[in-house]
Protein backbone atom coordinates (compact mmCIF):
# COMPACT_ATOMS: atom_id res chain seq x y z
CA MET A 1 83.56 68.57 95.65
CA VAL A 2 85.58 65.39 95.46
CA LYS A 3 88.12 63.78 97.77
CA ILE A 4 91.70 63.31 96.62
CA LYS A 5 91.26 59.59 97.37
CA GLU A 6 88.59 59.41 94.64
CA VAL A 7 91.00 60.93 92.10
CA TYR A 8 93.75 58.55 93.28
CA ASP A 9 91.43 55.53 92.94
CA PHE A 10 90.36 56.65 89.47
CA ILE A 11 93.97 56.93 88.26
CA ASP A 12 94.76 53.59 89.92
CA SER A 13 91.88 51.99 87.98
CA PHE A 14 93.56 52.56 84.59
CA ALA A 15 97.25 52.94 85.59
CA PRO A 16 97.61 50.72 88.67
CA PHE A 17 100.28 52.05 90.98
CA SER A 18 101.15 48.43 91.82
CA THR A 19 102.55 48.04 88.28
CA GLN A 20 105.20 50.75 88.66
CA ALA A 21 108.85 49.83 88.17
CA ASP A 22 110.86 49.00 91.29
CA PHE A 23 112.88 52.22 91.02
CA ASP A 24 109.78 54.42 90.70
CA ASN A 25 107.80 56.39 93.29
CA SER A 26 104.37 56.78 91.71
CA GLY A 27 101.32 57.27 93.91
CA PHE A 28 100.03 59.75 96.45
CA LEU A 29 103.06 61.75 97.56
CA VAL A 30 102.04 65.01 99.27
CA GLY A 31 99.07 66.09 101.36
CA ASP A 32 95.97 64.58 102.97
CA ILE A 33 94.36 61.93 100.77
CA ASN A 34 90.98 62.48 102.49
CA ARG A 35 90.89 66.21 101.74
CA TYR A 36 88.15 67.64 99.52
CA ILE A 37 89.36 69.53 96.46
CA ARG A 38 87.97 71.82 93.78
CA HIS A 39 90.82 72.51 91.34
CA VAL A 40 93.24 70.03 89.77
CA GLY A 41 96.37 70.78 87.75
CA VAL A 42 98.18 68.33 85.49
CA VAL A 43 101.89 68.77 84.71
CA LEU A 44 104.85 66.74 83.51
CA ASP A 45 107.10 67.98 86.35
CA VAL A 46 106.65 70.22 89.36
CA THR A 47 108.96 73.19 88.82
CA GLN A 48 109.02 76.69 90.26
CA GLN A 49 107.04 77.82 87.18
CA THR A 50 104.36 75.11 87.38
CA LEU A 51 104.08 75.63 91.14
CA ALA A 52 103.60 79.39 90.65
CA ALA A 53 100.90 78.71 88.05
CA ALA A 54 99.20 76.20 90.37
CA ARG A 55 99.17 78.73 93.20
CA HIS A 56 97.82 81.44 90.89
CA LEU A 57 95.03 79.15 89.66
CA GLY A 58 94.07 77.94 93.14
CA VAL A 59 95.00 74.32 92.43
CA ASP A 60 94.34 71.95 95.36
CA LEU A 61 95.81 68.82 93.75
CA ILE A 62 98.55 68.56 91.18
CA ILE A 63 98.89 65.38 89.13
CA THR A 64 102.36 64.85 87.71
CA HIS A 65 103.96 62.33 85.42
CA HIS A 66 107.39 62.53 87.04
CA PRO A 67 107.26 62.01 90.82
CA VAL A 68 107.84 65.08 92.95
CA ILE A 69 109.65 62.79 95.42
CA PHE A 70 111.84 60.36 93.52
CA ASP A 71 115.07 59.65 95.38
CA ALA A 72 115.54 59.42 99.12
CA THR A 73 114.80 62.88 100.48
CA ARG A 74 117.55 63.99 102.84
CA SER A 75 115.97 67.31 103.73
CA PHE A 76 112.53 68.86 103.55
CA THR A 77 113.29 72.57 103.24
CA ALA A 78 112.35 75.62 101.18
CA GLY A 79 113.22 75.02 97.55
CA ASN A 80 112.39 71.30 97.74
CA MET A 81 109.32 70.89 95.51
CA ALA A 82 107.53 68.54 97.93
CA PHE A 83 108.07 71.09 100.71
CA GLU A 84 106.85 73.92 98.47
CA LEU A 85 103.70 71.98 97.55
CA ALA A 86 102.94 71.18 101.19
CA ALA A 87 103.58 74.78 102.23
CA ALA A 88 101.16 75.95 99.53
CA GLY A 89 98.53 73.41 100.61
CA ILE A 90 98.73 71.60 97.26
CA ALA A 91 98.56 67.80 97.30
CA ALA A 92 100.41 65.68 94.72
CA ILE A 93 99.76 62.41 92.92
CA SER A 94 102.33 61.09 90.45
CA ALA A 95 101.70 58.45 87.79
CA HIS A 96 105.04 57.67 86.15
CA THR A 97 105.93 54.13 85.07
CA SER A 98 102.44 52.96 86.05
CA LEU A 99 101.06 55.29 83.35
CA ASP A 100 103.88 54.49 80.92
CA CYS A 101 102.95 50.80 80.82
CA ALA A 102 99.15 51.09 81.25
CA ALA A 103 96.86 49.98 78.44
CA GLY A 104 96.31 53.16 76.42
CA GLY A 105 99.09 54.86 78.40
CA VAL A 106 102.22 56.69 77.35
CA ASN A 107 103.91 53.72 75.67
CA ASP A 108 100.77 52.80 73.71
CA VAL A 109 100.35 56.39 72.54
CA LEU A 110 103.98 56.51 71.41
CA ALA A 111 103.65 53.14 69.65
CA GLY A 112 100.55 54.48 67.87
CA LEU A 113 102.37 57.60 66.72
CA LEU A 114 105.15 55.36 65.40
CA GLU A 115 102.49 53.27 63.62
CA ILE A 116 103.28 50.09 65.56
CA GLU A 117 100.07 48.09 65.59
CA LYS A 118 101.00 45.12 67.76
CA THR A 119 102.56 45.67 71.16
CA GLU A 120 103.15 43.35 74.08
CA PRO A 121 104.08 44.24 77.63
CA SER A 122 107.67 43.61 78.54
CA PRO A 123 108.02 41.18 81.47
CA PRO A 124 109.80 42.58 84.50
CA PRO A 125 112.53 43.56 84.77
CA ILE A 126 112.25 45.97 81.86
CA THR A 127 115.26 45.60 79.58
CA PRO A 128 116.40 47.57 76.54
CA GLN A 129 115.92 44.48 74.35
CA VAL A 130 112.49 44.94 72.77
CA SER A 131 110.71 43.09 70.00
CA CYS A 132 108.11 44.75 67.84
CA ALA A 133 106.23 44.20 64.63
CA LEU A 134 106.06 47.01 62.10
CA ALA A 135 102.77 47.31 60.32
CA SER A 136 103.62 50.69 58.90
CA SER A 137 104.20 51.49 55.28
CA SER A 138 105.94 54.68 56.38
CA LYS A 139 109.57 54.57 55.20
CA THR A 140 110.53 57.00 57.96
CA VAL A 141 109.11 54.77 60.69
CA GLN A 142 110.75 51.68 59.15
CA ARG A 143 114.12 53.46 58.92
CA ILE A 144 113.93 54.63 62.53
CA TRP A 145 113.26 51.15 63.83
CA ARG A 146 115.90 49.48 61.63
CA ASN A 147 118.56 51.85 62.91
CA MET A 148 117.84 51.48 66.62
CA SER A 149 120.17 49.16 68.50
CA GLY A 150 118.69 46.63 70.89
CA ILE A 151 115.39 46.45 69.02
CA SER A 152 114.39 43.56 66.80
CA CYS A 153 111.68 44.35 64.27
CA VAL A 154 109.88 42.36 61.65
CA GLN A 155 107.79 43.91 58.95
CA ARG A 156 104.40 42.31 58.31
């Protein structure tokens, strides 16, 4: 068995929680970080459906992309996903913008799918003005980037 803290530290090693955007709430959000676990679930969002599946599968820790606690929580009652996780004994770690901007993370995967070969991290604060270099011969990719406002592209 492994402690949740070990899973947290592993995620933090490639998607450091310290790099998350100011508005984000990535990190360990629900449960006891020193608890031993056997079953892990990975989901985009915690919903009633993903929670039901996690319960059915005996998940001890759920790792989400979108934080289960994002805005200021005004109540912690039935129906609130963080409450439901805690009531079910399921811990939660979320890696949102920390995973988006990590080397090899969400943004790099998307850039790869769009055939962008050279990427650079955007300095904080993140703005919609982005520069990129197209190395793609794909006319579709070139057309997409040419038609996007707020993005400056140069073809190599």
